């Protein structure tokens, strides 16, 4: 039925429109924490994902994980599992879910939720009375998540 609908849509419009970006509050996790639908509606770029994974001001995956593909990035972490072979261990939906909010898969994980904007505790008022009140933004954008997922999916066992 999906193929028929897609074919019909292409015939009527002459093209296929990709899905719109999914807002952080609208991410749908499956029972195992995976996210089947692209968050940006645009395929990820593995080269951009590698940059995000190794950049301190962005994803900074290497702060916690070892990653041979980014061997030129110094001081890689050891508190998270090695990401070598991660593309064989997890599928794209699982990787997307882990990036968006790893606590949906691993309850006690220290990994930050890179695409979450609510449900945080703001203890600042108890200490300074000056906790920010504005809405939080996700650590990474929907496209950055897709780029990192594309990169990690390329990390296969040799």
N, C-alpha and C. Protein backbone atom coordinates (compact mmCIF):
# COMPACT_ATOMS: atom_id res chain seq x y z
N UNK A 1 0.81 -1.19 0.00
CA UNK A 1 0.00 0.00 0.00
C UNK A 1 0.86 1.26 0.00
N UNK A 2 1.97 1.24 0.78
CA UNK A 2 2.85 2.40 0.82
C UNK A 2 3.44 2.68 -0.56
N UNK A 3 3.86 1.60 -1.25
CA UNK A 3 4.46 1.77 -2.57
C UNK A 3 3.44 2.36 -3.54
N UNK A 4 2.19 1.90 -3.47
CA UNK A 4 1.14 2.42 -4.33
C UNK A 4 0.90 3.90 -4.04
N UNK A 5 0.86 4.27 -2.78
CA UNK A 5 0.63 5.67 -2.40
C UNK A 5 1.77 6.55 -2.87
N UNK A 6 3.02 6.07 -2.71
CA UNK A 6 4.17 6.82 -3.14
C UNK A 6 4.17 6.98 -4.66
N UNK A 7 3.87 5.91 -5.37
CA UNK A 7 3.81 5.97 -6.84
C UNK A 7 2.73 6.93 -7.29
N UNK A 8 1.57 6.86 -6.65
CA UNK A 8 0.48 7.76 -6.98
C UNK A 8 0.86 9.21 -6.71
N UNK A 9 1.51 9.45 -5.59
CA UNK A 9 1.93 10.81 -5.25
C UNK A 9 2.92 11.35 -6.28
N UNK A 10 3.84 10.49 -6.74
CA UNK A 10 4.81 10.92 -7.75
C UNK A 10 4.13 11.23 -9.07
N UNK A 11 3.14 10.45 -9.42
CA UNK A 11 2.42 10.67 -10.67
C UNK A 11 1.64 11.98 -10.62
N UNK A 12 1.02 12.25 -9.49
CA UNK A 12 0.18 13.45 -9.37
C UNK A 12 0.99 14.72 -9.23
N UNK A 13 2.13 14.65 -8.52
CA UNK A 13 2.89 15.87 -8.27
C UNK A 13 4.16 15.96 -9.08
N UNK A 14 4.63 14.84 -9.58
CA UNK A 14 5.87 14.83 -10.34
C UNK A 14 7.10 14.71 -9.46
N UNK A 15 6.92 14.69 -8.16
CA UNK A 15 8.05 14.56 -7.24
C UNK A 15 7.56 14.01 -5.91
N UNK A 16 8.51 13.72 -5.05
CA UNK A 16 8.19 13.26 -3.71
C UNK A 16 8.68 14.31 -2.73
N UNK A 17 7.84 14.74 -1.84
CA UNK A 17 8.22 15.69 -0.81
C UNK A 17 8.68 14.92 0.41
N UNK A 18 9.86 15.27 0.91
CA UNK A 18 10.35 14.61 2.10
C UNK A 18 9.58 15.10 3.32
N UNK A 19 9.56 14.30 4.34
CA UNK A 19 8.86 14.65 5.57
C UNK A 19 9.46 15.91 6.17
N UNK A 20 8.63 16.65 6.88
CA UNK A 20 9.09 17.86 7.55
C UNK A 20 9.91 17.48 8.77
N UNK A 21 10.65 18.45 9.29
CA UNK A 21 11.45 18.22 10.49
C UNK A 21 10.55 17.88 11.67
N UNK A 22 10.98 16.92 12.46
CA UNK A 22 10.26 16.50 13.65
C UNK A 22 10.76 17.34 14.82
N UNK A 23 9.87 18.01 15.52
CA UNK A 23 10.24 18.81 16.69
C UNK A 23 10.67 17.88 17.82
N UNK A 24 11.57 18.33 18.69
CA UNK A 24 12.03 17.47 19.80
C UNK A 24 10.88 16.88 20.62
N UNK A 25 9.84 17.64 20.86
CA UNK A 25 8.71 17.16 21.67
C UNK A 25 7.87 16.12 20.93
N UNK A 26 8.03 16.03 19.60
CA UNK A 26 7.20 15.14 18.78
C UNK A 26 7.91 13.85 18.36
N UNK A 27 9.13 13.63 18.84
CA UNK A 27 9.87 12.42 18.47
C UNK A 27 9.12 11.20 19.00
N UNK A 28 8.92 10.22 18.14
CA UNK A 28 8.22 8.99 18.50
C UNK A 28 9.24 7.86 18.66
N UNK A 29 9.43 7.40 19.89
CA UNK A 29 10.34 6.30 20.18
C UNK A 29 9.55 5.00 20.15
N UNK A 30 10.17 3.92 19.63
CA UNK A 30 9.51 2.62 19.70
C UNK A 30 9.78 2.00 21.07
N UNK A 31 9.29 0.81 21.30
CA UNK A 31 9.40 0.19 22.62
C UNK A 31 10.83 -0.08 23.06
N UNK A 32 11.76 -0.11 22.10
CA UNK A 32 13.17 -0.34 22.43
C UNK A 32 14.00 0.94 22.39
N UNK A 33 13.35 2.08 22.19
CA UNK A 33 14.05 3.35 22.17
C UNK A 33 14.48 3.82 20.81
N UNK A 34 14.17 3.07 19.76
CA UNK A 34 14.53 3.47 18.40
C UNK A 34 13.60 4.53 17.86
N UNK A 35 14.08 5.27 16.87
CA UNK A 35 13.29 6.29 16.19
C UNK A 35 13.37 5.99 14.70
N UNK A 36 12.29 5.47 14.14
CA UNK A 36 12.29 5.00 12.76
C UNK A 36 12.30 6.13 11.73
N UNK A 37 11.73 7.26 12.07
CA UNK A 37 11.56 8.36 11.13
C UNK A 37 12.71 9.36 11.23
N UNK A 38 13.21 9.79 10.09
CA UNK A 38 14.24 10.82 10.07
C UNK A 38 13.74 12.06 10.81
N UNK A 39 14.60 12.65 11.62
CA UNK A 39 14.21 13.85 12.37
C UNK A 39 14.18 15.09 11.49
N UNK A 40 14.97 15.08 10.42
CA UNK A 40 15.06 16.25 9.56
C UNK A 40 14.31 16.09 8.24
N UNK A 41 14.01 14.85 7.86
CA UNK A 41 13.41 14.60 6.57
C UNK A 41 14.43 14.62 5.44
N UNK A 42 15.71 14.77 5.80
CA UNK A 42 16.79 14.83 4.82
C UNK A 42 17.83 13.79 5.22
N UNK A 43 18.36 13.03 4.26
CA UNK A 43 19.38 12.04 4.61
C UNK A 43 20.58 12.69 5.28
N UNK A 44 21.19 11.96 6.20
CA UNK A 44 22.37 12.46 6.88
C UNK A 44 23.60 12.40 5.99
N UNK A 45 24.57 13.26 6.30
CA UNK A 45 25.84 13.30 5.59
C UNK A 45 26.92 12.79 6.53
N UNK A 46 27.50 11.63 6.22
CA UNK A 46 28.47 11.00 7.10
C UNK A 46 29.71 11.88 7.34
N UNK A 47 30.17 12.60 6.33
CA UNK A 47 31.35 13.46 6.51
C UNK A 47 31.06 14.57 7.51
N UNK A 48 29.90 15.17 7.42
CA UNK A 48 29.52 16.20 8.40
C UNK A 48 29.36 15.58 9.78
N UNK A 49 28.81 14.38 9.83
CA UNK A 49 28.63 13.68 11.10
C UNK A 49 29.95 13.41 11.80
N UNK A 50 30.99 13.07 11.03
CA UNK A 50 32.31 12.84 11.61
C UNK A 50 32.85 14.11 12.25
N UNK A 51 32.63 15.23 11.60
CA UNK A 51 33.08 16.51 12.16
C UNK A 51 32.34 16.81 13.46
N UNK A 52 31.03 16.62 13.46
CA UNK A 52 30.22 16.87 14.65
C UNK A 52 30.66 15.96 15.79
N UNK A 53 30.91 14.69 15.50
CA UNK A 53 31.30 13.71 16.52
C UNK A 53 32.63 14.05 17.17
N UNK A 54 33.51 14.71 16.42
CA UNK A 54 34.84 15.02 16.94
C UNK A 54 35.04 16.45 17.38
N UNK A 55 34.01 17.28 17.32
CA UNK A 55 34.13 18.69 17.66
C UNK A 55 33.57 18.96 19.05
N UNK A 56 34.40 19.54 19.91
CA UNK A 56 34.01 19.78 21.30
C UNK A 56 32.77 20.65 21.43
N UNK A 57 32.61 21.63 20.58
CA UNK A 57 31.47 22.54 20.72
C UNK A 57 30.19 21.99 20.08
N UNK A 58 30.27 20.78 19.52
CA UNK A 58 29.08 20.18 18.91
C UNK A 58 28.78 18.86 19.60
N UNK A 59 28.81 17.75 18.89
CA UNK A 59 28.45 16.46 19.47
C UNK A 59 29.45 15.93 20.49
N UNK A 60 30.74 16.11 20.18
CA UNK A 60 31.82 15.73 21.08
C UNK A 60 31.72 14.28 21.56
N UNK A 61 31.37 13.38 20.66
CA UNK A 61 31.24 11.96 21.01
C UNK A 61 32.52 11.41 21.62
N UNK A 62 33.68 11.92 21.15
CA UNK A 62 34.96 11.40 21.61
C UNK A 62 35.28 11.79 23.05
N UNK A 63 34.48 12.64 23.65
CA UNK A 63 34.71 12.96 25.07
C UNK A 63 34.45 11.73 25.94
N UNK A 64 33.55 10.87 25.48
CA UNK A 64 33.18 9.67 26.25
C UNK A 64 33.51 8.37 25.54
N UNK A 65 33.58 8.39 24.22
CA UNK A 65 33.75 7.17 23.43
C UNK A 65 35.10 7.16 22.72
N UNK A 66 35.65 5.96 22.53
CA UNK A 66 36.82 5.76 21.68
C UNK A 66 36.32 5.58 20.26
N UNK A 67 37.04 6.13 19.31
CA UNK A 67 36.59 6.11 17.93
C UNK A 67 37.80 6.11 17.01
N UNK A 68 38.19 4.93 16.53
CA UNK A 68 39.38 4.81 15.70
C UNK A 68 39.30 5.66 14.44
N UNK A 69 38.10 5.83 13.88
CA UNK A 69 37.93 6.63 12.66
C UNK A 69 38.30 8.09 12.90
N UNK A 70 38.33 8.52 14.15
CA UNK A 70 38.73 9.89 14.50
C UNK A 70 39.99 9.86 15.34
N UNK A 71 40.92 9.00 14.98
CA UNK A 71 42.15 8.82 15.75
C UNK A 71 42.95 10.11 15.88
N UNK A 72 42.75 11.05 14.96
CA UNK A 72 43.48 12.32 15.03
C UNK A 72 42.93 13.26 16.10
N UNK A 73 41.77 12.94 16.68
CA UNK A 73 41.21 13.75 17.76
C UNK A 73 41.78 13.23 19.07
N UNK A 74 42.53 14.09 19.79
CA UNK A 74 43.19 13.61 21.01
C UNK A 74 42.24 13.47 22.20
N UNK A 75 42.72 12.78 23.22
CA UNK A 75 42.04 12.65 24.51
C UNK A 75 40.65 12.03 24.40
N UNK A 76 40.57 10.89 23.75
CA UNK A 76 39.27 10.22 23.62
C UNK A 76 38.89 9.57 24.94
N UNK A 77 37.59 9.54 25.20
CA UNK A 77 37.08 9.06 26.47
C UNK A 77 37.02 7.56 26.58
N UNK A 78 36.78 7.12 27.81
CA UNK A 78 36.71 5.70 28.09
C UNK A 78 35.49 5.35 28.94
N UNK A 79 34.55 6.28 29.14
CA UNK A 79 33.39 5.96 29.99
C UNK A 79 32.24 5.37 29.19
N UNK A 80 32.20 5.63 27.90
CA UNK A 80 31.19 5.03 27.02
C UNK A 80 31.81 3.91 26.23
N UNK A 81 30.99 3.06 25.63
CA UNK A 81 31.55 1.97 24.82
C UNK A 81 32.25 2.50 23.58
N UNK A 82 33.21 1.75 23.08
CA UNK A 82 33.86 2.11 21.84
C UNK A 82 32.81 2.17 20.73
N UNK A 83 32.94 3.13 19.84
CA UNK A 83 32.01 3.23 18.72
C UNK A 83 32.51 2.48 17.50
N UNK A 84 33.70 1.89 17.59
CA UNK A 84 34.18 1.04 16.50
C UNK A 84 33.21 -0.12 16.33
N UNK A 85 32.70 -0.33 15.13
CA UNK A 85 31.75 -1.40 14.85
C UNK A 85 30.32 -1.09 15.22
N UNK A 86 30.04 0.15 15.65
CA UNK A 86 28.68 0.52 16.06
C UNK A 86 27.67 0.37 14.93
N UNK A 87 28.11 0.54 13.69
CA UNK A 87 27.22 0.38 12.55
C UNK A 87 26.75 -1.06 12.36
N UNK A 88 27.47 -2.00 12.95
CA UNK A 88 27.05 -3.41 12.93
C UNK A 88 26.18 -3.75 14.14
N UNK A 89 26.39 -3.04 15.24
CA UNK A 89 25.66 -3.35 16.48
C UNK A 89 24.26 -2.76 16.52
N UNK A 90 24.08 -1.60 15.90
CA UNK A 90 22.79 -0.90 15.94
C UNK A 90 22.37 -0.50 14.54
N UNK A 91 21.06 -0.57 14.27
CA UNK A 91 20.56 -0.11 12.98
C UNK A 91 20.31 1.40 13.05
N UNK A 92 19.90 1.97 11.94
CA UNK A 92 19.73 3.43 11.85
C UNK A 92 18.70 3.95 12.86
N UNK A 93 17.58 3.27 13.01
CA UNK A 93 16.54 3.72 13.97
C UNK A 93 17.07 3.68 15.39
N UNK A 94 17.82 2.64 15.73
CA UNK A 94 18.39 2.54 17.07
C UNK A 94 19.43 3.63 17.32
N UNK A 95 20.28 3.89 16.33
CA UNK A 95 21.28 4.96 16.46
C UNK A 95 20.60 6.32 16.63
N UNK A 96 19.56 6.55 15.84
CA UNK A 96 18.82 7.82 15.95
C UNK A 96 18.21 7.97 17.34
N UNK A 97 17.63 6.90 17.86
CA UNK A 97 17.06 6.93 19.20
C UNK A 97 18.10 7.19 20.27
N UNK A 98 19.27 6.56 20.13
CA UNK A 98 20.35 6.78 21.09
C UNK A 98 20.83 8.22 21.06
N UNK A 99 20.92 8.80 19.88
CA UNK A 99 21.34 10.20 19.77
C UNK A 99 20.29 11.15 20.31
N UNK A 100 19.04 10.89 20.01
CA UNK A 100 17.97 11.79 20.45
C UNK A 100 17.83 11.76 21.97
N UNK A 101 17.77 10.56 22.55
CA UNK A 101 17.63 10.42 23.99
C UNK A 101 17.98 8.98 24.38
N UNK A 102 19.24 8.75 24.71
CA UNK A 102 19.73 7.41 25.01
C UNK A 102 19.03 6.79 26.22
N UNK A 103 18.45 7.60 27.08
CA UNK A 103 17.76 7.07 28.26
C UNK A 103 16.51 6.29 27.89
N UNK A 104 16.02 6.43 26.69
CA UNK A 104 14.89 5.65 26.23
C UNK A 104 15.31 4.20 25.96
N UNK A 105 16.60 3.97 25.76
CA UNK A 105 17.14 2.62 25.54
C UNK A 105 17.88 2.12 26.78
N UNK A 106 18.73 2.97 27.33
CA UNK A 106 19.55 2.61 28.49
C UNK A 106 19.22 3.57 29.63
N UNK A 107 18.34 3.15 30.52
CA UNK A 107 17.79 4.02 31.55
C UNK A 107 18.83 4.78 32.36
N UNK A 108 19.89 4.15 32.80
CA UNK A 108 20.85 4.79 33.68
C UNK A 108 22.04 5.41 32.97
N UNK A 109 21.99 5.56 31.66
CA UNK A 109 23.13 6.06 30.91
C UNK A 109 23.50 7.49 31.30
N UNK A 110 24.78 7.81 31.14
CA UNK A 110 25.26 9.17 31.35
C UNK A 110 25.23 9.97 30.05
N UNK A 111 24.92 9.31 28.95
CA UNK A 111 24.92 9.98 27.65
C UNK A 111 23.85 11.07 27.62
N UNK A 112 24.22 12.26 27.16
CA UNK A 112 23.22 13.33 27.11
C UNK A 112 22.16 13.06 26.05
N UNK A 113 20.99 13.61 26.26
CA UNK A 113 19.92 13.56 25.26
C UNK A 113 20.18 14.74 24.32
N UNK A 114 20.63 14.44 23.12
CA UNK A 114 21.03 15.50 22.20
C UNK A 114 19.85 16.19 21.53
N UNK A 115 18.64 15.60 21.61
CA UNK A 115 17.48 16.19 20.93
C UNK A 115 16.28 16.18 21.88
N UNK A 116 16.46 16.81 23.01
CA UNK A 116 15.42 16.87 24.05
C UNK A 116 15.38 18.30 24.57
N UNK A 117 14.18 18.78 24.87
CA UNK A 117 14.05 20.17 25.33
C UNK A 117 13.21 20.32 26.59
N UNK A 118 12.69 19.23 27.11
CA UNK A 118 11.86 19.33 28.31
C UNK A 118 12.13 18.18 29.25
N UNK A 119 11.65 18.32 30.49
CA UNK A 119 11.82 17.27 31.47
C UNK A 119 13.13 17.35 32.24
N UNK A 120 13.81 18.48 32.15
CA UNK A 120 15.06 18.67 32.87
C UNK A 120 14.79 19.29 34.24
N UNK A 121 15.66 19.03 35.18
CA UNK A 121 15.60 19.67 36.49
C UNK A 121 16.55 20.85 36.45
N UNK A 122 16.06 22.01 36.84
CA UNK A 122 16.89 23.22 36.86
C UNK A 122 17.16 23.61 38.32
N UNK A 123 18.25 23.12 38.88
CA UNK A 123 18.49 23.37 40.30
C UNK A 123 19.00 24.78 40.61
N UNK A 124 19.25 25.58 39.61
CA UNK A 124 19.83 26.91 39.84
C UNK A 124 19.08 27.78 40.82
N UNK A 125 17.76 27.72 40.84
CA UNK A 125 17.00 28.56 41.76
C UNK A 125 17.31 28.23 43.21
N UNK A 126 17.60 26.98 43.51
CA UNK A 126 17.92 26.58 44.87
C UNK A 126 19.26 27.13 45.34
N UNK A 127 20.13 27.51 44.41
CA UNK A 127 21.46 27.99 44.76
C UNK A 127 21.60 29.50 44.58
N UNK A 128 21.09 30.00 43.48
CA UNK A 128 21.30 31.42 43.17
C UNK A 128 20.00 32.20 43.04
N UNK A 129 18.90 31.50 42.82
CA UNK A 129 17.64 32.19 42.54
C UNK A 129 17.60 32.78 41.15
N UNK A 130 18.57 32.41 40.32
CA UNK A 130 18.68 33.02 38.99
C UNK A 130 18.70 31.97 37.88
N UNK A 131 17.99 30.88 38.05
CA UNK A 131 17.95 29.87 37.00
C UNK A 131 17.29 30.44 35.76
N UNK A 132 17.81 30.13 34.58
CA UNK A 132 17.17 30.63 33.36
C UNK A 132 15.75 30.07 33.23
N UNK A 133 14.87 30.85 32.68
CA UNK A 133 13.48 30.42 32.52
C UNK A 133 13.09 30.24 31.06
N UNK A 134 13.93 30.70 30.14
CA UNK A 134 13.59 30.57 28.73
C UNK A 134 13.60 29.11 28.31
N UNK A 135 12.93 28.83 27.21
CA UNK A 135 12.86 27.46 26.69
C UNK A 135 14.25 26.98 26.29
N UNK A 136 14.51 25.73 26.54
CA UNK A 136 15.79 25.14 26.16
C UNK A 136 15.76 24.76 24.69
N UNK A 137 16.92 24.74 24.08
CA UNK A 137 17.05 24.27 22.71
C UNK A 137 17.82 22.95 22.75
N UNK A 138 17.63 22.08 21.77
CA UNK A 138 18.38 20.82 21.77
C UNK A 138 19.87 21.07 21.59
N UNK A 139 20.67 20.15 22.07
CA UNK A 139 22.13 20.26 21.93
C UNK A 139 22.51 20.23 20.46
N UNK A 140 21.89 19.33 19.69
CA UNK A 140 22.12 19.23 18.25
C UNK A 140 20.81 19.44 17.50
N UNK A 141 20.92 19.94 16.28
CA UNK A 141 19.73 20.10 15.44
C UNK A 141 19.31 18.75 14.88
N UNK A 142 18.13 18.70 14.31
CA UNK A 142 17.64 17.47 13.68
C UNK A 142 18.61 17.01 12.59
N UNK A 143 19.11 17.92 11.78
CA UNK A 143 20.03 17.53 10.71
C UNK A 143 21.36 17.06 11.26
N UNK A 144 21.85 17.70 12.32
CA UNK A 144 23.10 17.24 12.93
C UNK A 144 22.95 15.81 13.47
N UNK A 145 21.79 15.51 14.06
CA UNK A 145 21.53 14.14 14.53
C UNK A 145 21.60 13.18 13.34
N UNK A 146 20.94 13.53 12.24
CA UNK A 146 20.94 12.66 11.06
C UNK A 146 22.35 12.49 10.51
N UNK A 147 23.16 13.54 10.54
CA UNK A 147 24.54 13.45 10.06
C UNK A 147 25.36 12.51 10.93
N UNK A 148 25.23 12.62 12.25
CA UNK A 148 25.98 11.75 13.15
C UNK A 148 25.51 10.30 12.99
N UNK A 149 24.22 10.09 12.84
CA UNK A 149 23.70 8.74 12.61
C UNK A 149 24.30 8.16 11.33
N UNK A 150 24.35 8.96 10.27
CA UNK A 150 24.93 8.50 9.00
C UNK A 150 26.40 8.13 9.19
N UNK A 151 27.13 8.93 9.96
CA UNK A 151 28.54 8.64 10.21
C UNK A 151 28.70 7.36 11.02
N UNK A 152 28.00 7.25 12.14
CA UNK A 152 28.16 6.08 13.00
C UNK A 152 27.74 4.80 12.26
N UNK A 153 26.75 4.91 11.38
CA UNK A 153 26.30 3.74 10.61
C UNK A 153 27.41 3.21 9.70
N UNK A 154 28.38 4.04 9.37
CA UNK A 154 29.50 3.59 8.52
C UNK A 154 30.57 2.85 9.30
N UNK A 155 30.50 2.88 10.62
CA UNK A 155 31.54 2.27 11.46
C UNK A 155 31.27 0.78 11.61
N UNK A 156 31.84 0.00 10.73
CA UNK A 156 31.63 -1.45 10.68
C UNK A 156 32.86 -2.18 11.21
N UNK A 157 32.65 -3.41 11.70
CA UNK A 157 33.76 -4.25 12.14
C UNK A 157 34.61 -4.59 10.91
N UNK A 158 35.89 -4.64 11.11
CA UNK A 158 36.78 -4.96 9.98
C UNK A 158 37.17 -6.39 9.96
